PDB file of all heavy atoms in Angstrom:
ATOM      1  N   GLN A   1     102.092 108.817 113.667  1.00  0.00           N
ATOM      2  CA  GLN A   1     100.758 109.272 113.309  1.00  0.00           C
ATOM      3  C   GLN A   1     100.693 109.481 111.810  1.00  0.00           C
ATOM      4  O   GLN A   1     101.711 109.705 111.147  1.00  0.00           O
ATOM      5  CB  GLN A   1     100.385 110.554 114.050  1.00  0.00           C
ATOM      6  CG  GLN A   1     101.237 111.767 113.749  1.00  0.00           C
ATOM      7  CD  GLN A   1     100.892 112.923 114.684  1.00  0.00           C
ATOM      8  OE1 GLN A   1     101.357 112.992 115.817  1.00  0.00           O
ATOM      9  NE2 GLN A   1     100.042 113.825 114.205  1.00  0.00           N
ATOM     10  N   THR A   2      99.488 109.376 111.284  1.00  0.00           N
ATOM     11  CA  THR A   2      99.317 109.459 109.838  1.00  0.00           C
ATOM     12  C   THR A   2      98.021 110.182 109.494  1.00  0.00           C
ATOM     13  O   THR A   2      97.134 110.337 110.333  1.00  0.00           O
ATOM     14  CB  THR A   2      99.253 108.055 109.192  1.00  0.00           C
ATOM     15  OG1 THR A   2      98.074 107.391 109.659  1.00  0.00           O
ATOM     16  CG2 THR A   2     100.474 107.219 109.537  1.00  0.00           C
ATOM     17  N   CYS A   3      97.932 110.601 108.260  1.00  0.00           N
ATOM     18  CA  CYS A   3      96.662 111.029 107.686  1.00  0.00           C
ATOM     19  C   CYS A   3      96.683 110.532 106.243  1.00  0.00           C
ATOM     20  O   CYS A   3      97.310 111.132 105.370  1.00  0.00           O
ATOM     21  CB  CYS A   3      96.496 112.539 107.734  1.00  0.00           C
ATOM     22  SG  CYS A   3      94.886 113.038 107.071  1.00  0.00           S
ATOM     23  N   THR A   4      96.069 109.404 106.033  1.00  0.00           N
ATOM     24  CA  THR A   4      96.121 108.761 104.721  1.00  0.00           C
ATOM     25  C   THR A   4      94.738 108.557 104.110  1.00  0.00           C
ATOM     26  O   THR A   4      94.615 107.915 103.071  1.00  0.00           O
ATOM     27  CB  THR A   4      96.823 107.387 104.831  1.00  0.00           C
ATOM     28  OG1 THR A   4      96.130 106.571 105.788  1.00  0.00           O
ATOM     29  CG2 THR A   4      98.269 107.561 105.298  1.00  0.00           C
ATOM     30  N   THR A   5      93.717 109.095 104.765  1.00  0.00           N
ATOM     31  CA  THR A   5      92.359 108.945 104.250  1.00  0.00           C
ATOM     32  C   THR A   5      92.151 109.878 103.068  1.00  0.00           C
ATOM     33  O   THR A   5      92.280 111.099 103.197  1.00  0.00           O
ATOM     34  CB  THR A   5      91.319 109.241 105.339  1.00  0.00           C
ATOM     35  OG1 THR A   5      91.544 108.366 106.447  1.00  0.00           O
ATOM     36  CG2 THR A   5      89.908 109.038 104.811  1.00  0.00           C
ATOM     37  N   GLU A   6      91.831 109.305 101.935  1.00  0.00           N
ATOM     38  CA  GLU A   6      91.672 110.107 100.717  1.00  0.00           C
ATOM     39  C   GLU A   6      90.223 110.577 100.581  1.00  0.00           C
ATOM     40  O   GLU A   6      89.297 109.783 100.458  1.00  0.00           O
ATOM     41  CB  GLU A   6      92.069 109.283  99.488  1.00  0.00           C
ATOM     42  CG  GLU A   6      92.023 110.054  98.195  1.00  0.00           C
ATOM     43  CD  GLU A   6      92.453 109.209  97.010  1.00  0.00           C
ATOM     44  OE1 GLU A   6      92.927 108.076  97.233  1.00  0.00           O
ATOM     45  OE2 GLU A   6      92.313 109.682  95.878  1.00  0.00           O
ATOM     46  N   THR A   7      90.046 111.887 100.663  1.00  0.00           N
ATOM     47  CA  THR A   7      88.736 112.484 100.409  1.00  0.00           C
ATOM     48  C   THR A   7      88.946 113.668  99.474  1.00  0.00           C
ATOM     49  O   THR A   7      90.070 113.970  99.081  1.00  0.00           O
ATOM     50  CB  THR A   7      88.071 112.978 101.715  1.00  0.00           C
ATOM     51  OG1 THR A   7      88.928 113.953 102.323  1.00  0.00           O
ATOM     52  CG2 THR A   7      87.831 111.838 102.680  1.00  0.00           C
ATOM     53  N   SER A   8      87.864 114.326  99.116  1.00  0.00           N
ATOM     54  CA  SER A   8      87.986 115.447  98.183  1.00  0.00           C
ATOM     55  C   SER A   8      88.849 116.545  98.777  1.00  0.00           C
ATOM     56  O   SER A   8      88.918 116.740  99.980  1.00  0.00           O
ATOM     57  CB  SER A   8      86.601 116.009  97.857  1.00  0.00           C
ATOM     58  OG  SER A   8      85.972 116.449  99.051  1.00  0.00           O
ATOM     59  N   GLY A   9      89.521 117.253  97.922  1.00  0.00           N
ATOM     60  CA  GLY A   9      90.405 118.338  98.344  1.00  0.00           C
ATOM     61  C   GLY A   9      91.250 118.759  97.159  1.00  0.00           C
ATOM     62  O   GLY A   9      91.653 117.922  96.353  1.00  0.00           O
ATOM     63  N   ASP A  10      91.484 120.057  97.021  1.00  0.00           N
ATOM     64  CA  ASP A  10      92.295 120.534  95.896  1.00  0.00           C
ATOM     65  C   ASP A  10      93.755 120.192  96.150  1.00  0.00           C
ATOM     66  O   ASP A  10      94.299 120.490  97.213  1.00  0.00           O
ATOM     67  CB  ASP A  10      92.142 122.059  95.749  1.00  0.00           C
ATOM     68  CG  ASP A  10      90.722 122.454  95.384  1.00  0.00           C
ATOM     69  OD1 ASP A  10      90.050 121.641  94.718  1.00  0.00           O
ATOM     70  OD2 ASP A  10      90.290 123.542  95.775  1.00  0.00           O
ATOM     71  N   ASN A  11      94.391 119.547  95.168  1.00  0.00           N
ATOM     72  CA  ASN A  11      95.800 119.234  95.297  1.00  0.00           C
ATOM     73  C   ASN A  11      96.612 120.520  95.274  1.00  0.00           C
ATOM     74  O   ASN A  11      96.240 121.502  94.649  1.00  0.00           O
ATOM     75  CB  ASN A  11      96.227 118.278  94.193  1.00  0.00           C
ATOM     76  CG  ASN A  11      95.553 116.920  94.345  1.00  0.00           C
ATOM     77  OD1 ASN A  11      95.410 116.423  95.449  1.00  0.00           O
ATOM     78  ND2 ASN A  11      95.117 116.342  93.247  1.00  0.00           N
ATOM     79  N   SER A  12      97.721 120.505  95.994  1.00  0.00           N
ATOM     80  CA  SER A  12      98.455 121.741  96.270  1.00  0.00           C
ATOM     81  C   SER A  12      99.861 121.660  95.678  1.00  0.00           C
ATOM     82  O   SER A  12     100.625 120.751  95.998  1.00  0.00           O
ATOM     83  CB  SER A  12      98.524 121.959  97.784  1.00  0.00           C
ATOM     84  OG  SER A  12      99.043 123.205  98.098  1.00  0.00           O
ATOM     85  N   SER A  13     100.205 122.611  94.823  1.00  0.00           N
ATOM     86  CA  SER A  13     101.514 122.607  94.169  1.00  0.00           C
ATOM     87  C   SER A  13     102.540 123.384  94.982  1.00  0.00           C
ATOM     88  O   SER A  13     102.222 124.343  95.686  1.00  0.00           O
ATOM     89  CB  SER A  13     101.407 123.205  92.763  1.00  0.00           C
ATOM     90  OG  SER A  13     100.990 124.558  92.833  1.00  0.00           O
ATOM     91  N   VAL A  14     103.797 122.938  94.879  1.00  0.00           N
ATOM     92  CA  VAL A  14     104.931 123.631  95.499  1.00  0.00           C
ATOM     93  C   VAL A  14     106.034 123.736  94.444  1.00  0.00           C
ATOM     94  O   VAL A  14     106.361 122.753  93.791  1.00  0.00           O
ATOM     95  CB  VAL A  14     105.482 122.873  96.725  1.00  0.00           C
ATOM     96  CG1 VAL A  14     106.539 123.711  97.435  1.00  0.00           C
ATOM     97  CG2 VAL A  14     104.380 122.499  97.675  1.00  0.00           C
ATOM     98  N   GLY A  15     106.580 124.924  94.311  1.00  0.00           N
ATOM     99  CA  GLY A  15     107.663 125.104  93.353  1.00  0.00           C
ATOM    100  C   GLY A  15     107.209 125.645  92.020  1.00  0.00           C
ATOM    101  O   GLY A  15     108.029 125.855  91.129  1.00  0.00           O
ATOM    102  N   ALA A  16     105.910 125.867  91.849  1.00  0.00           N
ATOM    103  CA  ALA A  16     105.411 126.467  90.605  1.00  0.00           C
ATOM    104  C   ALA A  16     105.416 127.990  90.743  1.00  0.00           C
ATOM    105  O   ALA A  16     106.090 128.700  90.004  1.00  0.00           O
ATOM    106  CB  ALA A  16     104.015 125.956  90.294  1.00  0.00           C
ATOM    107  N   THR A  17     104.667 128.476  91.741  1.00  0.00           N
ATOM    108  CA  THR A  17     104.619 129.914  92.027  1.00  0.00           C
ATOM    109  C   THR A  17     105.253 130.233  93.368  1.00  0.00           C
ATOM    110  O   THR A  17     105.926 131.256  93.510  1.00  0.00           O
ATOM    111  CB  THR A  17     103.151 130.405  92.032  1.00  0.00           C
ATOM    112  OG1 THR A  17     102.533 130.040  90.793  1.00  0.00           O
ATOM    113  CG2 THR A  17     103.081 131.919  92.182  1.00  0.00           C
ATOM    114  N   TYR A  18     105.037 129.348  94.333  1.00  0.00           N
ATOM    115  CA  TYR A  18     105.562 129.559  95.679  1.00  0.00           C
ATOM    116  C   TYR A  18     106.508 128.421  96.046  1.00  0.00           C
ATOM    117  O   TYR A  18     106.295 127.269  95.666  1.00  0.00           O
ATOM    118  CB  TYR A  18     104.420 129.639  96.693  1.00  0.00           C
ATOM    119  CG  TYR A  18     103.366 130.652  96.314  1.00  0.00           C
ATOM    120  CD1 TYR A  18     102.124 130.248  95.829  1.00  0.00           C
ATOM    121  CD2 TYR A  18     103.623 132.017  96.421  1.00  0.00           C
ATOM    122  CE1 TYR A  18     101.155 131.176  95.477  1.00  0.00           C
ATOM    123  CE2 TYR A  18     102.658 132.957  96.064  1.00  0.00           C
ATOM    124  CZ  TYR A  18     101.436 132.535  95.587  1.00  0.00           C
ATOM    125  OH  TYR A  18     100.489 133.450  95.215  1.00  0.00           O
ATOM    126  N   THR A  19     107.517 128.749  96.852  1.00  0.00           N
ATOM    127  CA  THR A  19     108.505 127.734  97.230  1.00  0.00           C
ATOM    128  C   THR A  19     108.162 127.020  98.529  1.00  0.00           C
ATOM    129  O   THR A  19     108.809 126.025  98.877  1.00  0.00           O
ATOM    130  CB  THR A  19     109.898 128.367  97.381  1.00  0.00           C
ATOM    131  OG1 THR A  19     109.851 129.394  98.393  1.00  0.00           O
ATOM    132  CG2 THR A  19     110.383 128.958  96.073  1.00  0.00           C
ATOM    133  N   LYS A  20     107.160 127.504  99.261  1.00  0.00           N
ATOM    134  CA  LYS A  20     106.826 126.886 100.544  1.00  0.00           C
ATOM    135  C   LYS A  20     105.326 126.666 100.679  1.00  0.00           C
ATOM    136  O   LYS A  20     104.534 127.558 100.389  1.00  0.00           O
ATOM    137  CB  LYS A  20     107.293 127.758 101.719  1.00  0.00           C
ATOM    138  CG  LYS A  20     108.791 127.902 101.869  1.00  0.00           C
ATOM    139  CD  LYS A  20     109.120 128.775 103.084  1.00  0.00           C
ATOM    140  CE  LYS A  20     110.604 129.027 103.218  1.00  0.00           C
ATOM    141  NZ  LYS A  20     110.895 129.892 104.391  1.00  0.00           N
ATOM    142  N   LYS A  21     104.974 125.469 101.137  1.00  0.00           N
ATOM    143  CA  LYS A  21     103.616 125.147 101.538  1.00  0.00           C
ATOM    144  C   LYS A  21     103.691 124.475 102.912  1.00  0.00           C
ATOM    145  O   LYS A  21     104.659 123.756 103.210  1.00  0.00           O
ATOM    146  CB  LYS A  21     102.938 124.200 100.536  1.00  0.00           C
ATOM    147  CG  LYS A  21     102.507 124.866  99.227  1.00  0.00           C
ATOM    148  CD  LYS A  21     101.236 125.681  99.399  1.00  0.00           C
ATOM    149  CE  LYS A  21     100.786 126.369  98.117  1.00  0.00           C
ATOM    150  NZ  LYS A  21     100.171 125.436  97.175  1.00  0.00           N
ATOM    151  N   ALA A  22     102.675 124.708 103.731  1.00  0.00           N
ATOM    152  CA  ALA A  22     102.704 124.153 105.083  1.00  0.00           C
ATOM    153  C   ALA A  22     101.313 123.753 105.531  1.00  0.00           C
ATOM    154  O   ALA A  22     100.312 124.303 105.066  1.00  0.00           O
ATOM    155  CB  ALA A  22     103.290 125.182 106.051  1.00  0.00           C
ATOM    156  N   TRP A  23     101.247 122.784 106.436  1.00  0.00           N
ATOM    157  CA  TRP A  23      99.987 122.406 107.068  1.00  0.00           C
ATOM    158  C   TRP A  23     100.261 122.007 108.514  1.00  0.00           C
ATOM    159  O   TRP A  23     101.365 121.583 108.867  1.00  0.00           O
ATOM    160  CB  TRP A  23      99.281 121.284 106.307  1.00  0.00           C
ATOM    161  CG  TRP A  23      99.976 119.962 106.321  1.00  0.00           C
ATOM    162  CD1 TRP A  23      99.740 118.904 107.154  1.00  0.00           C
ATOM    163  CD2 TRP A  23     101.042 119.531 105.454  1.00  0.00           C
ATOM    164  NE1 TRP A  23     100.572 117.852 106.862  1.00  0.00           N
ATOM    165  CE2 TRP A  23     101.381 118.211 105.823  1.00  0.00           C
ATOM    166  CE3 TRP A  23     101.735 120.135 104.405  1.00  0.00           C
ATOM    167  CZ2 TRP A  23     102.394 117.508 105.197  1.00  0.00           C
ATOM    168  CZ3 TRP A  23     102.747 119.436 103.774  1.00  0.00           C
ATOM    169  CH2 TRP A  23     103.060 118.127 104.168  1.00  0.00           C
ATOM    170  N   LYS A  24      99.259 122.146 109.325  1.00  0.00           N
ATOM    171  CA  LYS A  24      99.396 121.999 110.770  1.00  0.00           C
ATOM    172  C   LYS A  24      98.952 120.615 111.238  1.00  0.00           C
ATOM    173  O   LYS A  24      98.076 119.995 110.632  1.00  0.00           O
ATOM    174  CB  LYS A  24      98.545 123.077 111.446  1.00  0.00           C
ATOM    175  CG  LYS A  24      98.842 123.356 112.902  1.00  0.00           C
ATOM    176  CD  LYS A  24      97.950 124.518 113.343  1.00  0.00           C
ATOM    177  CE  LYS A  24      98.228 124.974 114.744  1.00  0.00           C
ATOM    178  NZ  LYS A  24      97.327 126.091 115.128  1.00  0.00           N
ATOM    179  N   PHE A  25      99.559 120.148 112.333  1.00  0.00           N
ATOM    180  CA  PHE A  25      99.103 118.903 112.958  1.00  0.00           C
ATOM    181  C   PHE A  25      99.337 119.004 114.458  1.00  0.00           C
ATOM    182  O   PHE A  25     100.131 119.826 114.938  1.00  0.00           O
ATOM    183  CB  PHE A  25      99.836 117.686 112.373  1.00  0.00           C
ATOM    184  CG  PHE A  25     101.285 117.576 112.785  1.00  0.00           C
ATOM    185  CD1 PHE A  25     101.676 116.773 113.849  1.00  0.00           C
ATOM    186  CD2 PHE A  25     102.276 118.279 112.093  1.00  0.00           C
ATOM    187  CE1 PHE A  25     103.002 116.664 114.235  1.00  0.00           C
ATOM    188  CE2 PHE A  25     103.617 118.175 112.464  1.00  0.00           C
ATOM    189  CZ  PHE A  25     103.983 117.372 113.529  1.00  0.00           C
ATOM    190  N   GLN A  26      98.656 118.154 115.188  1.00  0.00           N
ATOM    191  CA  GLN A  26      98.835 118.066 116.638  1.00  0.00           C
ATOM    192  C   GLN A  26      99.516 116.746 116.953  1.00  0.00           C
ATOM    193  O   GLN A  26      99.058 115.677 116.533  1.00  0.00           O
ATOM    194  CB  GLN A  26      97.491 118.159 117.356  1.00  0.00           C
ATOM    195  CG  GLN A  26      97.620 118.176 118.882  1.00  0.00           C
ATOM    196  CD  GLN A  26      96.271 118.308 119.565  1.00  0.00           C
ATOM    197  OE1 GLN A  26      95.316 117.619 119.193  1.00  0.00           O
ATOM    198  NE2 GLN A  26      96.175 119.175 120.556  1.00  0.00           N
ATOM    199  N   ALA A  27     100.615 116.803 117.688  1.00  0.00           N
ATOM    200  CA  ALA A  27     101.380 115.589 118.008  1.00  0.00           C
ATOM    201  C   ALA A  27     100.540 114.649 118.864  1.00  0.00           C
ATOM    202  O   ALA A  27      99.968 115.062 119.877  1.00  0.00           O
ATOM    203  CB  ALA A  27     102.666 115.948 118.723  1.00  0.00           C
ATOM    204  N   SER A  28     100.473 113.398 118.456  1.00  0.00           N
ATOM    205  CA  SER A  28      99.672 112.409 119.191  1.00  0.00           C
ATOM    206  C   SER A  28     100.429 111.823 120.379  1.00  0.00           C
ATOM    207  O   SER A  28      99.828 111.198 121.252  1.00  0.00           O
ATOM    208  CB  SER A  28      99.264 111.274 118.244  1.00  0.00           C
ATOM    209  OG  SER A  28     100.409 110.623 117.721  1.00  0.00           O
ATOM    210  N   GLU A  29     101.762 112.004 120.422  1.00  0.00           N
ATOM    211  CA  GLU A  29     102.578 111.472 121.506  1.00  0.00           C
ATOM    212  C   GLU A  29     103.890 112.248 121.576  1.00  0.00           C
ATOM    213  O   GLU A  29     104.255 112.954 120.634  1.00  0.00           O
ATOM    214  CB  GLU A  29     102.872 109.988 121.276  1.00  0.00           C
ATOM    215  CG  GLU A  29     103.643 109.716 119.997  1.00  0.00           C
ATOM    216  CD  GLU A  29     103.936 108.234 119.795  1.00  0.00           C
ATOM    217  OE1 GLU A  29     104.094 107.515 120.806  1.00  0.00           O
ATOM    218  OE2 GLU A  29     104.018 107.815 118.634  1.00  0.00           O
ATOM    219  N   SER A  30     104.569 112.119 122.701  1.00  0.00           N
ATOM    220  CA  SER A  30     105.897 112.718 122.847  1.00  0.00           C
ATOM    221  C   SER A  30     106.926 111.729 122.305  1.00  0.00           C
ATOM    222  O   SER A  30     107.095 110.638 122.854  1.00  0.00           O
ATOM    223  CB  SER A  30     106.190 113.045 124.316  1.00  0.00           C
ATOM    224  OG  SER A  30     105.302 114.024 124.797  1.00  0.00           O
ATOM    225  N   THR A  31     107.590 112.101 121.239  1.00  0.00           N
ATOM    226  CA  THR A  31     108.539 111.199 120.590  1.00  0.00           C
ATOM    227  C   THR A  31     109.446 112.005 119.675  1.00  0.00           C
ATOM    228  O   THR A  31     109.315 113.228 119.565  1.00  0.00           O
ATOM    229  CB  THR A  31     107.783 110.110 119.784  1.00  0.00           C
ATOM    230  OG1 THR A  31     108.722 109.139 119.330  1.00  0.00           O
ATOM    231  CG2 THR A  31     107.061 110.711 118.589  1.00  0.00           C
ATOM    232  N   THR A  32     110.365 111.310 119.027  1.00  0.00           N
ATOM    233  CA  THR A  32     111.209 111.937 118.017  1.00  0.00           C
ATOM    234  C   THR A  32     110.814 111.396 116.652  1.00  0.00           C
ATOM    235  O   THR A  32     110.909 110.189 116.404  1.00  0.00           O
ATOM    236  CB  THR A  32     112.708 111.668 118.273  1.00  0.00           C
ATOM    237  OG1 THR A  32     113.080 112.257 119.527  1.00  0.00           O
ATOM    238  CG2 THR A  32     113.567 112.276 117.162  1.00  0.00           C
ATOM    239  N   ILE A  33     110.353 112.277 115.798  1.00  0.00           N
ATOM    240  CA  ILE A  33     109.998 111.878 114.441  1.00  0.00           C
ATOM    241  C   ILE A  33     111.287 111.682 113.644  1.00  0.00           C
ATOM    242  O   ILE A  33     112.112 112.587 113.552  1.00  0.00           O
ATOM    243  CB  ILE A  33     109.118 112.952 113.756  1.00  0.00           C
ATOM    244  CG1 ILE A  33     107.853 113.221 114.593  1.00  0.00           C
ATOM    245  CG2 ILE A  33     108.745 112.521 112.346  1.00  0.00           C
ATOM    246  CD1 ILE A  33     106.974 112.033 114.796  1.00  0.00           C
ATOM    247  N   CYS A  34     111.458 110.479 113.121  1.00  0.00           N
ATOM    248  CA  CYS A  34     112.696 110.174 112.394  1.00  0.00           C
ATOM    249  C   CYS A  34     112.497 110.151 110.874  1.00  0.00           C
ATOM    250  O   CYS A  34     113.477 110.167 110.125  1.00  0.00           O
ATOM    251  CB  CYS A  34     113.262 108.835 112.855  1.00  0.00           C
ATOM    252  SG  CYS A  34     112.092 107.459 112.734  1.00  0.00           S
ATOM    253  N   LYS A  35     111.249 110.107 110.467  1.00  0.00           N
ATOM    254  CA  LYS A  35     110.978 110.098 109.018  1.00  0.00           C
ATOM    255  C   LYS A  35     109.564 110.591 108.769  1.00  0.00           C
ATOM    256  O   LYS A  35     108.664 110.322 109.552  1.00  0.00           O
ATOM    257  CB  LYS A  35     111.141 108.680 108.447  1.00  0.00           C
ATOM    258  CG  LYS A  35     110.906 108.576 106.936  1.00  0.00           C
ATOM    259  CD  LYS A  35     111.228 107.190 106.412  1.00  0.00           C
ATOM    260  CE  LYS A  35     110.284 106.122 106.925  1.00  0.00           C
ATOM    261  NZ  LYS A  35     110.539 104.800 106.324  1.00  0.00           N
ATOM    262  N   ILE A  36     109.395 111.340 107.688  1.00  0.00           N
ATOM    263  CA  ILE A  36     108.064 111.748 107.275  1.00  0.00           C
ATOM    264  C   ILE A  36     107.906 111.446 105.793  1.00  0.00           C
ATOM    265  O   ILE A  36     108.835 111.634 105.008  1.00  0.00           O
ATOM    266  CB  ILE A  36     107.805 113.244 107.563  1.00  0.00           C
ATOM    267  CG1 ILE A  36     106.381 113.641 107.154  1.00  0.00           C
ATOM    268  CG2 ILE A  36     108.841 114.129 106.877  1.00  0.00           C
ATOM    269  CD1 ILE A  36     105.957 115.004 107.649  1.00  0.00           C
ATOM    270  N   GLU A  37     106.756 110.911 105.441  1.00  0.00           N
ATOM    271  CA  GLU A  37     106.443 110.637 104.041  1.00  0.00           C
ATOM    272  C   GLU A  37     105.262 111.514 103.633  1.00  0.00           C
ATOM    273  O   GLU A  37     104.257 111.575 104.349  1.00  0.00           O
ATOM    274  CB  GLU A  37     106.086 109.165 103.842  1.00  0.00           C
ATOM    275  CG  GLU A  37     107.245 108.219 104.120  1.00  0.00           C
ATOM    276  CD  GLU A  37     106.857 106.762 103.936  1.00  0.00           C
ATOM    277  OE1 GLU A  37     105.645 106.485 103.759  1.00  0.00           O
ATOM    278  OE2 GLU A  37     107.751 105.900 103.982  1.00  0.00           O
ATOM    279  N   ILE A  38     105.404 112.189 102.511  1.00  0.00           N
ATOM    280  CA  ILE A  38     104.310 113.015 102.006  1.00  0.00           C
ATOM    281  C   ILE A  38     103.829 112.428 100.676  1.00  0.00           C
ATOM    282  O   ILE A  38     104.621 111.895  99.899  1.00  0.00           O
ATOM    283  CB  ILE A  38     104.743 114.485 101.818  1.00  0.00           C
ATOM    284  CG1 ILE A  38     105.941 114.583 100.856  1.00  0.00           C
ATOM    285  CG2 ILE A  38     105.077 115.120 103.159  1.00  0.00           C
ATOM    286  CD1 ILE A  38     106.291 116.008 100.462  1.00  0.00           C
ATOM    287  N   ASN A  39     102.537 112.516 100.463  1.00  0.00           N
ATOM    288  CA  ASN A  39     101.957 112.005  99.224  1.00  0.00           C
ATOM    289  C   ASN A  39     102.122 113.079  98.150  1.00  0.00           C
ATOM    290  O   ASN A  39     101.541 114.165  98.252  1.00  0.00           O
ATOM    291  CB  ASN A  39     100.477 111.672  99.448  1.00  0.00           C
ATOM    292  CG  ASN A  39      99.952 110.717  98.400  1.00  0.00           C
ATOM    293  OD1 ASN A  39     100.242 110.866  97.218  1.00  0.00           O
ATOM    294  ND2 ASN A  39      99.173 109.742  98.833  1.00  0.00           N
ATOM    295  N   ALA A  40     102.934 112.788  97.153  1.00  0.00           N
ATOM    296  CA  ALA A  40     103.264 113.817  96.161  1.00  0.00           C
ATOM    297  C   ALA A  40     103.613 113.183  94.823  1.00  0.00           C
ATOM    298  O   ALA A  40     103.838 111.975  94.714  1.00  0.00           O
ATOM    299  CB  ALA A  40     104.438 114.657  96.655  1.00  0.00           C
ATOM    300  N   LYS A  41     103.661 114.026  93.814  1.00  0.00           N
ATOM    301  CA  LYS A  41     104.082 113.587  92.484  1.00  0.00           C
ATOM    302  C   LYS A  41     104.833 114.723  91.793  1.00  0.00           C
ATOM    303  O   LYS A  41     104.831 115.872  92.254  1.00  0.00           O
ATOM    304  CB  LYS A  41     102.884 113.158  91.639  1.00  0.00           C
ATOM    305  CG  LYS A  41     101.964 114.302  91.213  1.00  0.00           C
ATOM    306  CD  LYS A  41     100.846 113.797  90.295  1.00  0.00           C
ATOM    307  CE  LYS A  41      99.944 114.944  89.830  1.00  0.00           C
ATOM    308  NZ  LYS A  41      98.883 114.467  88.910  1.00  0.00           N
ATOM    309  N   GLU A  42     105.461 114.379  90.705  1.00  0.00           N
ATOM    310  CA  GLU A  42     106.218 115.341  89.917  1.00  0.00           C
ATOM    311  C   GLU A  42     105.355 115.824  88.753  1.00  0.00           C
ATOM    312  O   GLU A  42     104.655 115.044  88.119  1.00  0.00           O
ATOM    313  CB  GLU A  42     107.488 114.657  89.398  1.00  0.00           C
ATOM    314  CG  GLU A  42     108.408 115.515  88.564  1.00  0.00           C
ATOM    315  CD  GLU A  42     109.577 114.698  88.019  1.00  0.00           C
ATOM    316  OE1 GLU A  42     109.544 113.445  88.125  1.00  0.00           O
ATOM    317  OE2 GLU A  42     110.515 115.310  87.479  1.00  0.00           O
TER     318      GLU A  42
END
């Protein structure tokens, strides 16, 4: 499953003030996730 649709939204920093950021999702199927890619930059 993916969420790659780009719409407006404030970009969220991690490691500047806080060490953890999280977001929720609902599993679309019963499976084992072997890799996750997040859209990020340095």
